[in-house]
């Protein structure tokens, strides 16, 4: 049998109330899990919802209450595990408190971010969460006018619009350089992706170079790859860099994805790690710690960032910047 969905009618709140033998206001309170209702009434409402296949009209609810229990995430990427980890941390807290997370992806495009933020705000979310502090003036303008909470994630190097949760990328870059210098490496190179688009990676690179300069050293070579970061981009990037600067003794990568690609290049070309070339990443991903020689890296508080960000929104915290710090992993590649 083929169901003609065009002929189906939407189940209404009134029909659920009639089936449960309660008033519409009781159905509404049960579904929002807010207000007073008896356990028996709740059971009858939920049974009716299941039998009838009722789906609440969240748009109507939003218009009626001038607000919603939506939290909007406008993130740069889903291919980079960093952002799914943030969503995972926030999602558990939001679900426990009966909020719903919705998200959209900018592909590191600030103009697209502005468009997506505007679209999300049409749903009147409780909060909008974004990556970093660098946004177009148009994005900041509509966020200020929206009246909702704004949370900027995974960075503390900047001025927060409202709430910010993360760590100092600039200091992470400095710590990475200082570690390599302490280990005796002096001919240091860099492989990364587009620093203008990924501003947090750009801050790490700046901090890395600052630490080298402070120590009387300088970057011996760099390779910036177009497009998003990936294992393959890291592999190709290290190949290109070593062709131009064969005397390098250590390479800093913009993240662990790129560093893994560098590691695979070394394996394929008989370059001993770290004796022939030291490798250092960023993010402390599980996969980077599972390879035969765990990556030297910076472990970032991704899940904790999402969790705290959600808690601050739900608890109506005052504007603040929460720096969760980071952990340096010595690994076996440096």
C-alpha atoms as a PDB file:
ATOM      1  CA  UNK A   1       0.000   0.000   0.000  1.00  0.00           C
ATOM      2  CA  UNK A   2       1.258   3.461  -0.930  1.00  0.00           C
ATOM      3  CA  UNK A   3       0.375   6.290   1.439  1.00  0.00           C
ATOM      4  CA  UNK A   4      -0.524   9.594  -0.204  1.00  0.00           C
ATOM      5  CA  UNK A   5       1.034  12.041   2.212  1.00  0.00           C
ATOM      6  CA  UNK A   6      -0.702  14.955   0.507  1.00  0.00           C
ATOM      7  CA  UNK A   7      -4.021  13.557   1.710  1.00  0.00           C
ATOM      8  CA  UNK A   8      -2.891  13.244   5.342  1.00  0.00           C
ATOM      9  CA  UNK A   9      -3.969  15.851   7.858  1.00  0.00           C
ATOM     10  CA  UNK A  10      -1.840  17.154  10.687  1.00  0.00           C
ATOM     11  CA  UNK A  11      -2.761  15.936  14.159  1.00  0.00           C
ATOM     12  CA  UNK A  12      -3.649  18.920  16.327  1.00  0.00           C
ATOM     13  CA  UNK A  13      -3.145  19.695  19.988  1.00  0.00           C
ATOM     14  CA  UNK A  14      -6.914  19.653  20.425  1.00  0.00           C
ATOM     15  CA  UNK A  15      -7.102  16.086  19.085  1.00  0.00           C
ATOM     16  CA  UNK A  16      -4.416  14.965  21.529  1.00  0.00           C
ATOM     17  CA  UNK A  17      -6.309  16.634  24.385  1.00  0.00           C
ATOM     18  CA  UNK A  18      -9.559  14.936  23.362  1.00  0.00           C
ATOM     19  CA  UNK A  19      -7.869  11.535  23.079  1.00  0.00           C
ATOM     20  CA  UNK A  20      -6.251  11.960  26.501  1.00  0.00           C
ATOM     21  CA  UNK A  21      -9.394  13.329  28.151  1.00  0.00           C
ATOM     22  CA  UNK A  22      -7.621  16.483  29.375  1.00  0.00           C
ATOM     23  CA  UNK A  23      -7.545  20.135  28.463  1.00  0.00           C
ATOM     24  CA  UNK A  24      -5.237  21.585  25.800  1.00  0.00           C
ATOM     25  CA  UNK A  25      -3.324  23.558  28.437  1.00  0.00           C
ATOM     26  CA  UNK A  26      -2.528  20.297  30.257  1.00  0.00           C
ATOM     27  CA  UNK A  27      -1.199  18.775  27.026  1.00  0.00           C
ATOM     28  CA  UNK A  28       0.951  21.842  26.493  1.00  0.00           C
ATOM     29  CA  UNK A  29       2.373  21.693  30.029  1.00  0.00           C
ATOM     30  CA  UNK A  30       3.161  17.989  29.717  1.00  0.00           C
ATOM     31  CA  UNK A  31       4.923  18.405  26.389  1.00  0.00           C
ATOM     32  CA  UNK A  32       6.966  21.346  27.660  1.00  0.00           C
ATOM     33  CA  UNK A  33       7.566  19.510  30.963  1.00  0.00           C
ATOM     34  CA  UNK A  34       6.749  22.759  32.686  1.00  0.00           C
ATOM     35  CA  UNK A  35       3.962  23.654  35.106  1.00  0.00           C
ATOM     36  CA  UNK A  36       1.623  21.469  37.144  1.00  0.00           C
ATOM     37  CA  UNK A  37       0.065  18.193  36.006  1.00  0.00           C
ATOM     38  CA  UNK A  38      -0.543  14.834  37.637  1.00  0.00           C
ATOM     39  CA  UNK A  39       1.446  11.689  36.818  1.00  0.00           C
ATOM     40  CA  UNK A  40      -1.767  10.120  35.541  1.00  0.00           C
ATOM     41  CA  UNK A  41      -2.447  13.065  33.207  1.00  0.00           C
ATOM     42  CA  UNK A  42       1.117  12.907  31.917  1.00  0.00           C
ATOM     43  CA  UNK A  43       0.762   9.198  31.167  1.00  0.00           C
ATOM     44  CA  UNK A  44      -2.495   9.732  29.291  1.00  0.00           C
ATOM     45  CA  UNK A  45      -1.081  12.626  27.255  1.00  0.00           C
ATOM     46  CA  UNK A  46       2.065  10.762  26.270  1.00  0.00           C
ATOM     47  CA  UNK A  47       0.020   7.718  25.343  1.00  0.00           C
ATOM     48  CA  UNK A  48      -2.217   9.857  23.129  1.00  0.00           C
ATOM     49  CA  UNK A  49       0.794  11.530  21.520  1.00  0.00           C
ATOM     50  CA  UNK A  50       2.256   8.136  20.659  1.00  0.00           C
ATOM     51  CA  UNK A  51      -1.000   6.688  19.343  1.00  0.00           C
ATOM     52  CA  UNK A  52      -1.797   9.700  17.168  1.00  0.00           C
ATOM     53  CA  UNK A  53       1.759  10.431  16.041  1.00  0.00           C
ATOM     54  CA  UNK A  54       1.527  14.027  17.193  1.00  0.00           C
ATOM     55  CA  UNK A  55       4.465  16.370  16.520  1.00  0.00           C
ATOM     56  CA  UNK A  56       4.477  19.684  18.452  1.00  0.00           C
ATOM     57  CA  UNK A  57       4.470  22.855  16.354  1.00  0.00           C
ATOM     58  CA  UNK A  58       7.610  24.511  17.662  1.00  0.00           C
ATOM     59  CA  UNK A  59       7.273  27.484  15.328  1.00  0.00           C
ATOM     60  CA  UNK A  60       3.838  28.303  16.709  1.00  0.00           C
ATOM     61  CA  UNK A  61       5.153  27.901  20.227  1.00  0.00           C
ATOM     62  CA  UNK A  62       7.996  30.271  19.500  1.00  0.00           C
ATOM     63  CA  UNK A  63       5.689  32.933  18.085  1.00  0.00           C
ATOM     64  CA  UNK A  64       3.378  32.640  21.042  1.00  0.00           C
ATOM     65  CA  UNK A  65       6.087  32.953  23.661  1.00  0.00           C
ATOM     66  CA  UNK A  66       8.488  35.359  21.848  1.00  0.00           C
ATOM     67  CA  UNK A  67      11.232  32.870  22.615  1.00  0.00           C
ATOM     68  CA  UNK A  68      12.152  29.237  22.242  1.00  0.00           C
ATOM     69  CA  UNK A  69      14.139  26.426  23.740  1.00  0.00           C
ATOM     70  CA  UNK A  70      16.383  26.244  20.711  1.00  0.00           C
ATOM     71  CA  UNK A  71      20.112  26.841  20.913  1.00  0.00           C
ATOM     72  CA  UNK A  72      21.665  27.580  17.530  1.00  0.00           C
ATOM     73  CA  UNK A  73      25.224  26.539  16.652  1.00  0.00           C
ATOM     74  CA  UNK A  74      26.849  28.176  13.639  1.00  0.00           C
ATOM     75  CA  UNK A  75      30.106  26.259  13.227  1.00  0.00           C
ATOM     76  CA  UNK A  76      32.876  26.259  10.596  1.00  0.00           C
ATOM     77  CA  UNK A  77      33.034  22.531   9.851  1.00  0.00           C
ATOM     78  CA  UNK A  78      31.715  19.057  10.589  1.00  0.00           C
ATOM     79  CA  UNK A  79      34.654  17.247   8.986  1.00  0.00           C
ATOM     80  CA  UNK A  80      36.953  18.535  11.734  1.00  0.00           C
ATOM     81  CA  UNK A  81      36.250  16.461  14.884  1.00  0.00           C
ATOM     82  CA  UNK A  82      36.780  19.559  17.039  1.00  0.00           C
ATOM     83  CA  UNK A  83      33.306  20.907  16.391  1.00  0.00           C
ATOM     84  CA  UNK A  84      31.357  17.635  16.778  1.00  0.00           C
ATOM     85  CA  UNK A  85      33.137  17.280  20.142  1.00  0.00           C
ATOM     86  CA  UNK A  86      31.881  20.722  21.177  1.00  0.00           C
ATOM     87  CA  UNK A  87      28.366  19.786  20.073  1.00  0.00           C
ATOM     88  CA  UNK A  88      28.603  16.541  22.031  1.00  0.00           C
ATOM     89  CA  UNK A  89      29.547  18.408  25.191  1.00  0.00           C
ATOM     90  CA  UNK A  90      26.761  20.933  24.808  1.00  0.00           C
ATOM     91  CA  UNK A  91      24.160  18.438  23.617  1.00  0.00           C
ATOM     92  CA  UNK A  92      24.021  16.400  26.811  1.00  0.00           C
ATOM     93  CA  UNK A  93      23.469  19.477  28.976  1.00  0.00           C
ATOM     94  CA  UNK A  94      20.867  20.929  26.630  1.00  0.00           C
ATOM     95  CA  UNK A  95      18.932  17.666  26.397  1.00  0.00           C
ATOM     96  CA  UNK A  96      18.872  17.249  30.172  1.00  0.00           C
ATOM     97  CA  UNK A  97      17.321  20.703  30.440  1.00  0.00           C
ATOM     98  CA  UNK A  98      14.836  20.207  27.584  1.00  0.00           C
ATOM     99  CA  UNK A  99      16.595  22.456  25.076  1.00  0.00           C
ATOM    100  CA  UNK A 100      17.140  21.511  21.460  1.00  0.00           C
ATOM    101  CA  UNK A 101      20.387  22.128  19.575  1.00  0.00           C
ATOM    102  CA  UNK A 102      20.244  23.080  15.894  1.00  0.00           C
ATOM    103  CA  UNK A 103      23.296  23.770  13.784  1.00  0.00           C
ATOM    104  CA  UNK A 104      24.535  25.038  10.445  1.00  0.00           C
ATOM    105  CA  UNK A 105      27.976  24.999   8.827  1.00  0.00           C
ATOM    106  CA  UNK A 106      29.834  28.018   7.418  1.00  0.00           C
ATOM    107  CA  UNK A 107      32.833  26.290   5.763  1.00  0.00           C
ATOM    108  CA  UNK A 108      34.971  29.041   7.345  1.00  0.00           C
ATOM    109  CA  UNK A 109      33.192  31.698   5.250  1.00  0.00           C
ATOM    110  CA  UNK A 110      32.422  34.830   7.317  1.00  0.00           C
ATOM    111  CA  UNK A 111      29.813  36.097   4.841  1.00  0.00           C
ATOM    112  CA  UNK A 112      28.068  32.736   4.945  1.00  0.00           C
ATOM    113  CA  UNK A 113      28.219  32.896   8.729  1.00  0.00           C
ATOM    114  CA  UNK A 114      26.331  36.200   8.626  1.00  0.00           C
ATOM    115  CA  UNK A 115      23.646  34.692   6.380  1.00  0.00           C
ATOM    116  CA  UNK A 116      23.262  31.622   8.578  1.00  0.00           C
ATOM    117  CA  UNK A 117      23.147  33.609  11.828  1.00  0.00           C
ATOM    118  CA  UNK A 118      20.361  35.730  10.350  1.00  0.00           C
ATOM    119  CA  UNK A 119      18.445  32.597   9.334  1.00  0.00           C
ATOM    120  CA  UNK A 120      18.879  31.037  12.779  1.00  0.00           C
ATOM    121  CA  UNK A 121      17.719  34.178  14.549  1.00  0.00           C
ATOM    122  CA  UNK A 122      14.410  33.964  12.676  1.00  0.00           C
ATOM    123  CA  UNK A 123      13.654  30.988  14.944  1.00  0.00           C
ATOM    124  CA  UNK A 124      14.137  33.179  18.051  1.00  0.00           C
ATOM    125  CA  UNK A 125      16.715  30.912  19.727  1.00  0.00           C
ATOM    126  CA  UNK A 126      17.657  31.249  23.368  1.00  0.00           C
ATOM    127  CA  UNK A 127      21.311  31.523  22.347  1.00  0.00           C
ATOM    128  CA  UNK A 128      23.579  31.505  19.320  1.00  0.00           C
ATOM    129  CA  UNK A 129      26.970  29.803  19.628  1.00  0.00           C
ATOM    130  CA  UNK A 130      29.764  30.581  17.182  1.00  0.00           C
ATOM    131  CA  UNK A 131      33.457  29.748  16.800  1.00  0.00           C
ATOM    132  CA  UNK A 132      35.932  32.462  17.749  1.00  0.00           C
ATOM    133  CA  UNK A 133      35.661  36.244  17.913  1.00  0.00           C
ATOM    134  CA  UNK A 134      36.131  37.183  14.270  1.00  0.00           C
ATOM    135  CA  UNK A 135      32.774  37.963  12.645  1.00  0.00           C
ATOM    136  CA  UNK A 136      31.535  40.486  10.110  1.00  0.00           C
ATOM    137  CA  UNK A 137      30.146  43.745  11.421  1.00  0.00           C
ATOM    138  CA  UNK A 138      26.787  42.665   9.999  1.00  0.00           C
ATOM    139  CA  UNK A 139      26.836  39.482  12.078  1.00  0.00           C
ATOM    140  CA  UNK A 140      27.649  41.406  15.247  1.00  0.00           C
ATOM    141  CA  UNK A 141      24.936  43.967  14.485  1.00  0.00           C
ATOM    142  CA  UNK A 142      22.148  41.417  14.120  1.00  0.00           C
ATOM    143  CA  UNK A 143      23.337  39.504  17.164  1.00  0.00           C
ATOM    144  CA  UNK A 144      23.261  42.674  19.298  1.00  0.00           C
ATOM    145  CA  UNK A 145      19.771  43.479  18.046  1.00  0.00           C
ATOM    146  CA  UNK A 146      18.444  39.961  18.635  1.00  0.00           C
ATOM    147  CA  UNK A 147      18.372  40.061  22.426  1.00  0.00           C
ATOM    148  CA  UNK A 148      19.506  36.423  22.653  1.00  0.00           C
ATOM    149  CA  UNK A 149      22.632  35.164  24.398  1.00  0.00           C
ATOM    150  CA  UNK A 150      25.783  34.929  22.307  1.00  0.00           C
ATOM    151  CA  UNK A 151      28.530  32.414  23.085  1.00  0.00           C
ATOM    152  CA  UNK A 152      31.875  32.511  21.268  1.00  0.00           C
ATOM    153  CA  UNK A 153      33.692  29.195  21.479  1.00  0.00           C
ATOM    154  CA  UNK A 154      37.238  27.816  21.462  1.00  0.00           C
ATOM    155  CA  UNK A 155      39.060  31.116  21.879  1.00  0.00           C
ATOM    156  CA  UNK A 156      39.842  33.687  24.573  1.00  0.00           C
ATOM    157  CA  UNK A 157      42.088  35.985  22.514  1.00  0.00           C
ATOM    158  CA  UNK A 158      39.677  38.797  21.804  1.00  0.00           C
ATOM    159  CA  UNK A 159      36.734  40.824  23.086  1.00  0.00           C
ATOM    160  CA  UNK A 160      33.631  38.780  23.813  1.00  0.00           C
ATOM    161  CA  UNK A 161      30.245  39.962  22.589  1.00  0.00           C
ATOM    162  CA  UNK A 162      28.633  38.289  25.619  1.00  0.00           C
ATOM    163  CA  UNK A 163      29.923  34.895  26.780  1.00  0.00           C
ATOM    164  CA  UNK A 164      33.127  33.198  25.631  1.00  0.00           C
ATOM    165  CA  UNK A 165      34.409  29.733  26.510  1.00  0.00           C
ATOM    166  CA  UNK A 166      37.663  28.184  25.378  1.00  0.00           C
ATOM    167  CA  UNK A 167      41.390  28.738  25.670  1.00  0.00           C
ATOM    168  CA  UNK A 168      44.122  31.034  24.351  1.00  0.00           C
ATOM    169  CA  UNK A 169      45.158  29.883  20.887  1.00  0.00           C
ATOM    170  CA  UNK A 170      48.006  32.364  20.917  1.00  0.00           C
ATOM    171  CA  UNK A 171      49.364  30.878  24.131  1.00  0.00           C
ATOM    172  CA  UNK A 172      48.931  27.362  22.739  1.00  0.00           C
ATOM    173  CA  UNK A 173      51.147  28.323  19.811  1.00  0.00           C
ATOM    174  CA  UNK A 174      53.750  29.776  22.171  1.00  0.00           C
ATOM    175  CA  UNK A 175      53.723  26.659  24.352  1.00  0.00           C
ATOM    176  CA  UNK A 176      54.243  24.485  21.279  1.00  0.00           C
ATOM    177  CA  UNK A 177      57.311  26.460  20.174  1.00  0.00           C
ATOM    178  CA  UNK A 178      58.758  26.583  23.683  1.00  0.00           C
ATOM    179  CA  UNK A 179      58.441  22.806  24.000  1.00  0.00           C
ATOM    180  CA  UNK A 180      60.272  22.181  20.723  1.00  0.00           C
ATOM    181  CA  UNK A 181      62.995  24.667  21.642  1.00  0.00           C
ATOM    182  CA  UNK A 182      63.479  22.985  25.022  1.00  0.00           C
ATOM    183  CA  UNK A 183      63.952  19.699  23.197  1.00  0.00           C
ATOM    184  CA  UNK A 184      66.833  21.236  21.274  1.00  0.00           C
ATOM    185  CA  UNK A 185      65.205  21.751  17.870  1.00  0.00           C
ATOM    186  CA  UNK A 186      66.358  24.891  16.058  1.00  0.00           C
ATOM    187  CA  UNK A 187      65.391  24.505  12.383  1.00  0.00           C
ATOM    188  CA  UNK A 188      61.622  24.704  12.729  1.00  0.00           C
ATOM    189  CA  UNK A 189      59.057  24.720   9.944  1.00  0.00           C
ATOM    190  CA  UNK A 190      55.273  25.065   9.752  1.00  0.00           C
ATOM    191  CA  UNK A 191      52.574  23.320   7.700  1.00  0.00           C
ATOM    192  CA  UNK A 192      49.024  24.624   7.934  1.00  0.00           C
ATOM    193  CA  UNK A 193      45.827  25.497   6.115  1.00  0.00           C
ATOM    194  CA  UNK A 194      44.354  28.903   5.248  1.00  0.00           C
ATOM    195  CA  UNK A 195      45.225  31.211   8.164  1.00  0.00           C
ATOM    196  CA  UNK A 196      42.943  33.995   6.994  1.00  0.00           C
ATOM    197  CA  UNK A 197      39.877  31.760   7.110  1.00  0.00           C
ATOM    198  CA  UNK A 198      40.761  29.764  10.243  1.00  0.00           C
ATOM    199  CA  UNK A 199      41.596  32.694  12.501  1.00  0.00           C
ATOM    200  CA  UNK A 200      42.226  30.471  15.523  1.00  0.00           C
ATOM    201  CA  UNK A 201      44.941  28.591  13.623  1.00  0.00           C
ATOM    202  CA  UNK A 202      46.286  31.993  12.617  1.00  0.00           C
ATOM    203  CA  UNK A 203      46.574  33.025  16.255  1.00  0.00           C
ATOM    204  CA  UNK A 204      48.418  29.821  17.095  1.00  0.00           C
ATOM    205  CA  UNK A 205      50.869  30.470  14.258  1.00  0.00           C
ATOM    206  CA  UNK A 206      51.400  34.025  15.509  1.00  0.00           C
ATOM    207  CA  UNK A 207      52.066  32.788  19.047  1.00  0.00           C
ATOM    208  CA  UNK A 208      54.458  30.138  17.718  1.00  0.00           C
ATOM    209  CA  UNK A 209      56.496  32.713  15.798  1.00  0.00           C
ATOM    210  CA  UNK A 210      56.495  35.099  18.772  1.00  0.00           C
ATOM    211  CA  UNK A 211      58.056  32.420  20.972  1.00  0.00           C
ATOM    212  CA  UNK A 212      60.716  31.711  18.344  1.00  0.00           C
ATOM    213  CA  UNK A 213      61.552  35.397  18.034  1.00  0.00           C
ATOM    214  CA  UNK A 214      61.751  35.794  21.804  1.00  0.00           C
ATOM    215  CA  UNK A 215      64.267  32.935  21.905  1.00  0.00           C
ATOM    216  CA  UNK A 216      66.360  34.553  19.173  1.00  0.00           C
ATOM    217  CA  UNK A 217      65.246  32.046  16.554  1.00  0.00           C
ATOM    218  CA  UNK A 218      63.008  32.266  13.495  1.00  0.00           C
ATOM    219  CA  UNK A 219      60.844  30.061  11.327  1.00  0.00           C
ATOM    220  CA  UNK A 220      63.027  28.268   8.780  1.00  0.00           C
ATOM    221  CA  UNK A 221      60.187  27.531   6.333  1.00  0.00           C
ATOM    222  CA  UNK A 222      56.442  27.258   5.995  1.00  0.00           C
ATOM    223  CA  UNK A 223      53.832  25.738   3.705  1.00  0.00           C
ATOM    224  CA  UNK A 224      50.261  27.114   3.770  1.00  0.00           C
ATOM    225  CA  UNK A 225      47.742  24.917   1.985  1.00  0.00           C
ATOM    226  CA  UNK A 226      44.593  26.244   0.354  1.00  0.00           C
ATOM    227  CA  UNK A 227      41.255  24.945   1.578  1.00  0.00           C
ATOM    228  CA  UNK A 228      40.307  23.083   4.724  1.00  0.00           C
ATOM    229  CA  UNK A 229      42.710  21.022   6.789  1.00  0.00           C
ATOM    230  CA  UNK A 230      42.937  17.283   6.135  1.00  0.00           C
ATOM    231  CA  UNK A 231      45.313  14.362   6.490  1.00  0.00           C
ATOM    232  CA  UNK A 232      46.072  14.419   2.770  1.00  0.00           C
ATOM    233  CA  UNK A 233      46.735  18.162   2.851  1.00  0.00           C
ATOM    234  CA  UNK A 234      49.195  17.656   5.711  1.00  0.00           C
ATOM    235  CA  UNK A 235      50.974  14.903   3.814  1.00  0.00           C
ATOM    236  CA  UNK A 236      51.281  16.966   0.634  1.00  0.00           C
ATOM    237  CA  UNK A 237      52.195  20.062   2.633  1.00  0.00           C
ATOM    238  CA  UNK A 238      55.114  18.403   4.404  1.00  0.00           C
ATOM    239  CA  UNK A 239      56.372  17.005   1.095  1.00  0.00           C
ATOM    240  CA  UNK A 240      56.390  20.487  -0.440  1.00  0.00           C
ATOM    241  CA  UNK A 241      57.999  22.061   2.606  1.00  0.00           C
ATOM    242  CA  UNK A 242      60.850  19.538   2.801  1.00  0.00           C
ATOM    243  CA  UNK A 243      61.612  19.991  -0.889  1.00  0.00           C
ATOM    244  CA  UNK A 244      62.207  23.703  -0.238  1.00  0.00           C
ATOM    245  CA  UNK A 245      63.780  23.399   3.216  1.00  0.00           C
ATOM    246  CA  UNK A 246      65.456  19.987   3.529  1.00  0.00           C
ATOM    247  CA  UNK A 247      67.422  20.960   6.650  1.00  0.00           C
ATOM    248  CA  UNK A 248      64.432  21.163   8.999  1.00  0.00           C
ATOM    249  CA  UNK A 249      64.601  19.209  12.247  1.00  0.00           C
ATOM    250  CA  UNK A 250      61.020  19.847  13.475  1.00  0.00           C
ATOM    251  CA  UNK A 251      57.678  20.844  11.946  1.00  0.00           C
ATOM    252  CA  UNK A 252      54.690  22.405  13.693  1.00  0.00           C
ATOM    253  CA  UNK A 253      51.295  21.665  12.107  1.00  0.00           C
ATOM    254  CA  UNK A 254      48.121  23.717  12.398  1.00  0.00           C
ATOM    255  CA  UNK A 255      46.282  20.688  13.826  1.00  0.00           C
ATOM    256  CA  UNK A 256      46.490  16.939  14.353  1.00  0.00           C
ATOM    257  CA  UNK A 257      44.835  16.122  11.003  1.00  0.00           C
ATOM    258  CA  UNK A 258      47.657  17.862   9.179  1.00  0.00           C
ATOM    259  CA  UNK A 259      50.269  16.351  11.531  1.00  0.00           C
ATOM    260  CA  UNK A 260      48.966  12.833  10.857  1.00  0.00           C
ATOM    261  CA  UNK A 261      49.417  13.464   7.150  1.00  0.00           C
ATOM    262  CA  UNK A 262      52.971  14.560   7.893  1.00  0.00           C
ATOM    263  CA  UNK A 263      53.555  11.395   9.897  1.00  0.00           C
ATOM    264  CA  UNK A 264      52.345   9.241   6.995  1.00  0.00           C
ATOM    265  CA  UNK A 265      54.665  11.103   4.624  1.00  0.00           C
ATOM    266  CA  UNK A 266      57.583  10.293   6.901  1.00  0.00           C
ATOM    267  CA  UNK A 267      56.597   6.610   7.064  1.00  0.00           C
ATOM    268  CA  UNK A 268      56.297   6.377   3.290  1.00  0.00           C
ATOM    269  CA  UNK A 269      59.644   8.048   2.681  1.00  0.00           C
ATOM    270  CA  UNK A 270      61.819   6.447   5.347  1.00  0.00           C
ATOM    271  CA  UNK A 271      62.139   9.586   7.473  1.00  0.00           C
ATOM    272  CA  UNK A 272      62.739   8.568  11.089  1.00  0.00           C
ATOM    273  CA  UNK A 273      60.451  10.293  13.599  1.00  0.00           C
ATOM    274  CA  UNK A 274      61.619  12.084  15.661  1.00  0.00           C
ATOM    275  CA  UNK A 275      65.318  11.391  14.977  1.00  0.00           C
ATOM    276  CA  UNK A 276      65.116  12.585  11.373  1.00  0.00           C
ATOM    277  CA  UNK A 277      62.221  14.984  11.820  1.00  0.00           C
ATOM    278  CA  UNK A 278      60.109  15.919  14.845  1.00  0.00           C
ATOM    279  CA  UNK A 279      56.372  16.510  14.394  1.00  0.00           C
ATOM    280  CA  UNK A 280      54.025  18.556  16.597  1.00  0.00           C
ATOM    281  CA  UNK A 281      50.254  18.939  16.165  1.00  0.00           C
ATOM    282  CA  UNK A 282      47.332  20.595  17.894  1.00  0.00           C
ATOM    283  CA  UNK A 283      44.050  19.387  19.461  1.00  0.00           C
ATOM    284  CA  UNK A 284      45.208  16.102  21.023  1.00  0.00           C
ATOM    285  CA  UNK A 285      42.806  13.966  18.980  1.00  0.00           C
ATOM    286  CA  UNK A 286      42.346  10.332  19.991  1.00  0.00           C
ATOM    287  CA  UNK A 287      43.503   9.097  16.586  1.00  0.00           C
ATOM    288  CA  UNK A 288      46.754  11.011  16.977  1.00  0.00           C
ATOM    289  CA  UNK A 289      47.385   9.219  20.258  1.00  0.00           C
ATOM    290  CA  UNK A 290      46.532   5.796  18.800  1.00  0.00           C
ATOM    291  CA  UNK A 291      49.249   5.670  16.140  1.00  0.00           C
ATOM    292  CA  UNK A 292      52.470   3.696  16.861  1.00  0.00           C
ATOM    293  CA  UNK A 293      54.218   6.907  17.924  1.00  0.00           C
ATOM    294  CA  UNK A 294      51.625   9.127  19.642  1.00  0.00           C
ATOM    295  CA  UNK A 295      51.678  12.682  18.368  1.00  0.00           C
ATOM    296  CA  UNK A 296      53.230  15.460  20.409  1.00  0.00           C
ATOM    297  CA  UNK A 297      50.339  17.907  20.554  1.00  0.00           C
ATOM    298  CA  UNK A 298      48.169  20.283  22.557  1.00  0.00           C
ATOM    299  CA  UNK A 299      45.021  18.673  23.983  1.00  0.00           C
ATOM    300  CA  UNK A 300      42.152  21.163  23.826  1.00  0.00           C
ATOM    301  CA  UNK A 301      39.040  21.124  26.067  1.00  0.00           C
ATOM    302  CA  UNK A 302      36.493  20.637  23.304  1.00  0.00           C
ATOM    303  CA  UNK A 303      33.802  18.632  25.108  1.00  0.00           C
ATOM    304  CA  UNK A 304      34.280  20.691  28.275  1.00  0.00           C
ATOM    305  CA  UNK A 305      33.897  23.884  26.227  1.00  0.00           C
ATOM    306  CA  UNK A 306      30.529  22.787  24.862  1.00  0.00           C
ATOM    307  CA  UNK A 307      29.355  21.600  28.273  1.00  0.00           C
ATOM    308  CA  UNK A 308      30.238  24.836  30.069  1.00  0.00           C
ATOM    309  CA  UNK A 309      28.838  26.981  27.262  1.00  0.00           C
ATOM    310  CA  UNK A 310      25.462  25.238  27.566  1.00  0.00           C
ATOM    311  CA  UNK A 311      25.508  25.526  31.353  1.00  0.00           C
ATOM    312  CA  UNK A 312      26.208  29.267  31.216  1.00  0.00           C
ATOM    313  CA  UNK A 313      23.268  29.812  28.864  1.00  0.00           C
ATOM    314  CA  UNK A 314      20.839  27.698  30.867  1.00  0.00           C
ATOM    315  CA  UNK A 315      21.881  29.298  34.158  1.00  0.00           C
ATOM    316  CA  UNK A 316      21.576  32.803  32.676  1.00  0.00           C
ATOM    317  CA  UNK A 317      25.158  33.605  33.668  1.00  0.00           C
ATOM    318  CA  UNK A 318      26.433  37.185  33.419  1.00  0.00           C
ATOM    319  CA  UNK A 319      28.748  38.092  30.505  1.00  0.00           C
ATOM    320  CA  UNK A 320      32.182  36.539  31.016  1.00  0.00           C
ATOM    321  CA  UNK A 321      35.190  34.871  29.419  1.00  0.00           C
ATOM    322  CA  UNK A 322      35.893  31.345  30.721  1.00  0.00           C
ATOM    323  CA  UNK A 323      39.423  30.154  29.952  1.00  0.00           C
ATOM    324  CA  UNK A 324      39.599  26.361  30.344  1.00  0.00           C
ATOM    325  CA  UNK A 325      43.283  26.151  29.414  1.00  0.00           C
ATOM    326  CA  UNK A 326      44.948  23.313  27.506  1.00  0.00           C
ATOM    327  CA  UNK A 327      47.285  20.380  28.097  1.00  0.00           C
ATOM    328  CA  UNK A 328      50.615  19.782  26.349  1.00  0.00           C
ATOM    329  CA  UNK A 329      51.063  16.133  25.309  1.00  0.00           C
ATOM    330  CA  UNK A 330      54.734  15.218  24.938  1.00  0.00           C
ATOM    331  CA  UNK A 331      53.915  12.166  22.818  1.00  0.00           C
ATOM    332  CA  UNK A 332      56.644  10.327  20.925  1.00  0.00           C
ATOM    333  CA  UNK A 333      57.030  12.370  17.738  1.00  0.00           C
ATOM    334  CA  UNK A 334      59.134  15.175  19.224  1.00  0.00           C
END
